[in-house]
Amino acid sequence: MTTFTLDDMRQIMTGCAGVPDSVDLTGDIGDLTFTDLGYDSLAVLEMAARIQQRLDIPIPDDAVGEMKTPQAAVDYVNRRLTG
C-alpha cells in the first residue's frame, strides 16, 4: 500500500472497542476529533494497533496522542509510509 486514505481509516475505525453503534462515519469526519466521534482513549489505542498490524508501521504512544482527528491519523500514516 502506498497511500492510506480516509476510507481506509473509516474501515479500521468501524470495529474499534468502546465506540457506540450510533457513530456515523459516512460523512465528512476528517477534521472531527475522535472524542467528538465518540471514541474513547481505548478505542483510539485499538485503532492505532490495527493500523500497525495492517500496515506494519510502528505508531508510538506519543504519536497516538497527537492524532486528534481521522485526517491527522491518515496524514501521520502516510508520512510513515513514504518516509
N, C-alpha and C. Protein backbone atom coordinates (compact mmCIF):
# COMPACT_ATOMS: atom_id res chain seq x y z
N MET A 1 0.86 -1.17 0.00
CA MET A 1 0.00 0.00 0.00
C MET A 1 0.90 1.23 0.00
N THR A 2 0.64 2.15 -0.91
CA THR A 2 1.45 3.35 -0.98
C THR A 2 0.74 4.57 -0.40
N THR A 3 -0.57 4.53 -0.31
CA THR A 3 -1.33 5.63 0.26
C THR A 3 -2.41 5.10 1.17
N PHE A 4 -2.53 5.70 2.33
CA PHE A 4 -3.57 5.37 3.30
C PHE A 4 -4.61 6.47 3.21
N THR A 5 -5.86 6.11 2.96
CA THR A 5 -6.90 7.10 2.72
C THR A 5 -7.86 7.22 3.90
N LEU A 6 -8.69 8.24 3.85
CA LEU A 6 -9.71 8.41 4.87
C LEU A 6 -10.69 7.23 4.84
N ASP A 7 -10.95 6.67 3.67
CA ASP A 7 -11.80 5.48 3.61
C ASP A 7 -11.14 4.28 4.29
N ASP A 8 -9.82 4.14 4.15
CA ASP A 8 -9.09 3.09 4.88
C ASP A 8 -9.24 3.32 6.38
N MET A 9 -9.15 4.58 6.78
CA MET A 9 -9.29 4.93 8.19
C MET A 9 -10.68 4.58 8.71
N ARG A 10 -11.69 4.91 7.93
CA ARG A 10 -13.08 4.57 8.31
C ARG A 10 -13.23 3.07 8.54
N GLN A 11 -12.64 2.30 7.65
CA GLN A 11 -12.72 0.84 7.74
C GLN A 11 -12.12 0.35 9.05
N ILE A 12 -10.99 0.89 9.42
CA ILE A 12 -10.34 0.50 10.68
C ILE A 12 -11.15 0.99 11.87
N MET A 13 -11.69 2.20 11.79
CA MET A 13 -12.43 2.79 12.90
C MET A 13 -13.73 2.04 13.20
N THR A 14 -14.31 1.40 12.22
CA THR A 14 -15.63 0.79 12.35
C THR A 14 -15.73 -0.22 13.48
N GLY A 15 -14.73 -1.06 13.68
CA GLY A 15 -14.85 -2.12 14.66
C GLY A 15 -14.12 -1.91 15.97
N CYS A 16 -13.69 -0.70 16.25
CA CYS A 16 -12.92 -0.46 17.47
C CYS A 16 -13.78 -0.54 18.72
N ALA A 17 -13.20 -1.05 19.79
CA ALA A 17 -13.91 -1.20 21.07
C ALA A 17 -14.24 0.16 21.67
N GLY A 18 -15.31 0.21 22.41
CA GLY A 18 -15.66 1.42 23.14
C GLY A 18 -16.36 2.48 22.30
N VAL A 19 -16.75 2.13 21.08
CA VAL A 19 -17.41 3.09 20.21
C VAL A 19 -18.88 2.74 20.11
N PRO A 20 -19.75 3.71 20.37
CA PRO A 20 -21.19 3.44 20.26
C PRO A 20 -21.58 3.04 18.84
N ASP A 21 -22.54 2.14 18.73
CA ASP A 21 -23.02 1.71 17.41
C ASP A 21 -23.63 2.86 16.62
N SER A 22 -24.04 3.90 17.31
CA SER A 22 -24.71 5.03 16.65
C SER A 22 -23.75 5.99 15.95
N VAL A 23 -22.45 5.77 16.06
CA VAL A 23 -21.46 6.65 15.43
C VAL A 23 -21.57 6.54 13.91
N ASP A 24 -21.73 7.69 13.25
CA ASP A 24 -21.86 7.73 11.79
C ASP A 24 -20.53 8.15 11.19
N LEU A 25 -19.90 7.24 10.48
CA LEU A 25 -18.61 7.52 9.88
C LEU A 25 -18.71 7.82 8.38
N THR A 26 -19.93 7.95 7.86
CA THR A 26 -20.11 8.12 6.42
C THR A 26 -19.93 9.56 5.96
N GLY A 27 -20.06 10.52 6.84
CA GLY A 27 -19.98 11.92 6.45
C GLY A 27 -18.56 12.43 6.38
N ASP A 28 -18.43 13.74 6.47
CA ASP A 28 -17.14 14.41 6.42
C ASP A 28 -16.53 14.39 7.82
N ILE A 29 -15.80 13.34 8.14
CA ILE A 29 -15.29 13.14 9.51
C ILE A 29 -13.84 13.53 9.68
N GLY A 30 -13.16 13.89 8.60
CA GLY A 30 -11.73 14.10 8.63
C GLY A 30 -11.23 15.04 9.72
N ASP A 31 -11.94 16.14 9.95
CA ASP A 31 -11.47 17.13 10.90
C ASP A 31 -12.22 17.12 12.23
N LEU A 32 -13.10 16.14 12.42
CA LEU A 32 -13.77 15.99 13.72
C LEU A 32 -12.82 15.25 14.67
N THR A 33 -12.81 15.64 15.91
CA THR A 33 -11.94 14.93 16.86
C THR A 33 -12.51 13.54 17.12
N PHE A 34 -11.62 12.65 17.50
CA PHE A 34 -12.08 11.31 17.85
C PHE A 34 -13.06 11.37 19.01
N THR A 35 -12.83 12.29 19.94
CA THR A 35 -13.75 12.46 21.07
C THR A 35 -15.13 12.85 20.58
N ASP A 36 -15.20 13.79 19.64
CA ASP A 36 -16.49 14.22 19.08
C ASP A 36 -17.19 13.07 18.35
N LEU A 37 -16.41 12.15 17.82
CA LEU A 37 -16.97 11.00 17.12
C LEU A 37 -17.37 9.87 18.06
N GLY A 38 -17.10 10.05 19.36
CA GLY A 38 -17.49 9.04 20.34
C GLY A 38 -16.41 8.03 20.67
N TYR A 39 -15.17 8.29 20.25
CA TYR A 39 -14.07 7.37 20.50
C TYR A 39 -13.39 7.73 21.82
N ASP A 40 -13.31 6.76 22.71
CA ASP A 40 -12.58 6.99 23.96
C ASP A 40 -11.11 6.61 23.72
N SER A 41 -10.29 6.79 24.74
CA SER A 41 -8.87 6.54 24.58
C SER A 41 -8.56 5.08 24.24
N LEU A 42 -9.34 4.15 24.78
CA LEU A 42 -9.16 2.74 24.45
C LEU A 42 -9.41 2.49 22.97
N ALA A 43 -10.45 3.09 22.43
CA ALA A 43 -10.77 2.91 21.02
C ALA A 43 -9.66 3.48 20.13
N VAL A 44 -9.10 4.62 20.51
CA VAL A 44 -8.03 5.22 19.72
C VAL A 44 -6.77 4.35 19.77
N LEU A 45 -6.46 3.80 20.93
CA LEU A 45 -5.31 2.89 21.03
C LEU A 45 -5.53 1.63 20.20
N GLU A 46 -6.75 1.11 20.22
CA GLU A 46 -7.04 -0.07 19.41
C GLU A 46 -6.92 0.25 17.92
N MET A 47 -7.40 1.43 17.54
CA MET A 47 -7.30 1.86 16.16
C MET A 47 -5.83 1.91 15.73
N ALA A 48 -4.97 2.50 16.56
CA ALA A 48 -3.55 2.58 16.25
C ALA A 48 -2.95 1.18 16.14
N ALA A 49 -3.34 0.28 17.01
CA ALA A 49 -2.84 -1.09 16.96
C ALA A 49 -3.26 -1.78 15.67
N ARG A 50 -4.47 -1.54 15.24
CA ARG A 50 -4.95 -2.14 13.98
C ARG A 50 -4.18 -1.60 12.78
N ILE A 51 -3.90 -0.29 12.81
CA ILE A 51 -3.12 0.30 11.72
C ILE A 51 -1.72 -0.32 11.71
N GLN A 52 -1.10 -0.43 12.88
CA GLN A 52 0.23 -1.02 12.96
C GLN A 52 0.25 -2.44 12.41
N GLN A 53 -0.75 -3.21 12.79
CA GLN A 53 -0.82 -4.60 12.35
C GLN A 53 -1.06 -4.68 10.84
N ARG A 54 -1.97 -3.87 10.35
CA ARG A 54 -2.33 -3.93 8.93
C ARG A 54 -1.20 -3.45 8.02
N LEU A 55 -0.50 -2.38 8.45
CA LEU A 55 0.49 -1.76 7.57
C LEU A 55 1.93 -2.02 7.99
N ASP A 56 2.09 -2.65 9.13
CA ASP A 56 3.43 -2.96 9.65
C ASP A 56 4.29 -1.71 9.82
N ILE A 57 3.67 -0.66 10.39
CA ILE A 57 4.41 0.54 10.73
C ILE A 57 4.22 0.82 12.22
N PRO A 58 5.28 1.19 12.91
CA PRO A 58 5.14 1.49 14.34
C PRO A 58 4.44 2.83 14.56
N ILE A 59 3.59 2.87 15.56
CA ILE A 59 2.96 4.12 15.98
C ILE A 59 3.20 4.25 17.48
N PRO A 60 4.19 5.04 17.87
CA PRO A 60 4.49 5.20 19.29
C PRO A 60 3.35 5.90 20.03
N ASP A 61 3.30 5.69 21.34
CA ASP A 61 2.22 6.27 22.15
C ASP A 61 2.13 7.79 22.01
N ASP A 62 3.26 8.48 21.93
CA ASP A 62 3.21 9.93 21.79
C ASP A 62 2.58 10.34 20.47
N ALA A 63 2.78 9.56 19.42
CA ALA A 63 2.15 9.85 18.12
C ALA A 63 0.65 9.63 18.20
N VAL A 64 0.23 8.59 18.92
CA VAL A 64 -1.20 8.34 19.09
C VAL A 64 -1.86 9.55 19.75
N GLY A 65 -1.19 10.11 20.74
CA GLY A 65 -1.71 11.28 21.43
C GLY A 65 -1.84 12.51 20.55
N GLU A 66 -1.01 12.59 19.52
CA GLU A 66 -1.05 13.72 18.60
C GLU A 66 -2.10 13.57 17.51
N MET A 67 -2.54 12.36 17.28
CA MET A 67 -3.55 12.11 16.24
C MET A 67 -4.94 12.38 16.83
N LYS A 68 -5.36 13.61 16.76
CA LYS A 68 -6.63 14.02 17.38
C LYS A 68 -7.83 13.81 16.46
N THR A 69 -7.58 13.73 15.14
CA THR A 69 -8.67 13.59 14.17
C THR A 69 -8.34 12.45 13.20
N PRO A 70 -9.34 11.93 12.51
CA PRO A 70 -9.05 10.91 11.50
C PRO A 70 -8.07 11.41 10.43
N GLN A 71 -8.20 12.67 10.01
CA GLN A 71 -7.29 13.19 8.99
C GLN A 71 -5.87 13.28 9.52
N ALA A 72 -5.71 13.66 10.77
CA ALA A 72 -4.38 13.70 11.37
C ALA A 72 -3.76 12.30 11.40
N ALA A 73 -4.56 11.30 11.67
CA ALA A 73 -4.07 9.92 11.67
C ALA A 73 -3.68 9.49 10.26
N VAL A 74 -4.50 9.82 9.28
CA VAL A 74 -4.19 9.49 7.88
C VAL A 74 -2.88 10.17 7.47
N ASP A 75 -2.74 11.44 7.82
CA ASP A 75 -1.52 12.17 7.46
C ASP A 75 -0.29 11.54 8.11
N TYR A 76 -0.40 11.17 9.38
CA TYR A 76 0.71 10.53 10.08
C TYR A 76 1.10 9.23 9.39
N VAL A 77 0.11 8.40 9.11
CA VAL A 77 0.37 7.10 8.47
C VAL A 77 1.04 7.30 7.12
N ASN A 78 0.54 8.24 6.33
CA ASN A 78 1.13 8.47 5.00
C ASN A 78 2.56 8.97 5.09
N ARG A 79 2.87 9.80 6.09
CA ARG A 79 4.27 10.22 6.29
C ARG A 79 5.15 9.02 6.59
N ARG A 80 4.65 8.09 7.39
CA ARG A 80 5.42 6.89 7.74
C ARG A 80 5.59 5.97 6.53
N LEU A 81 4.55 5.89 5.70
CA LEU A 81 4.62 5.02 4.52
C LEU A 81 5.60 5.54 3.46
N THR A 82 5.71 6.86 3.36
CA THR A 82 6.58 7.43 2.35
C THR A 82 7.95 7.77 2.88
N GLY A 83 8.10 7.82 4.22
CA GLY A 83 9.37 8.22 4.82
C GLY A 83 10.26 7.06 4.99
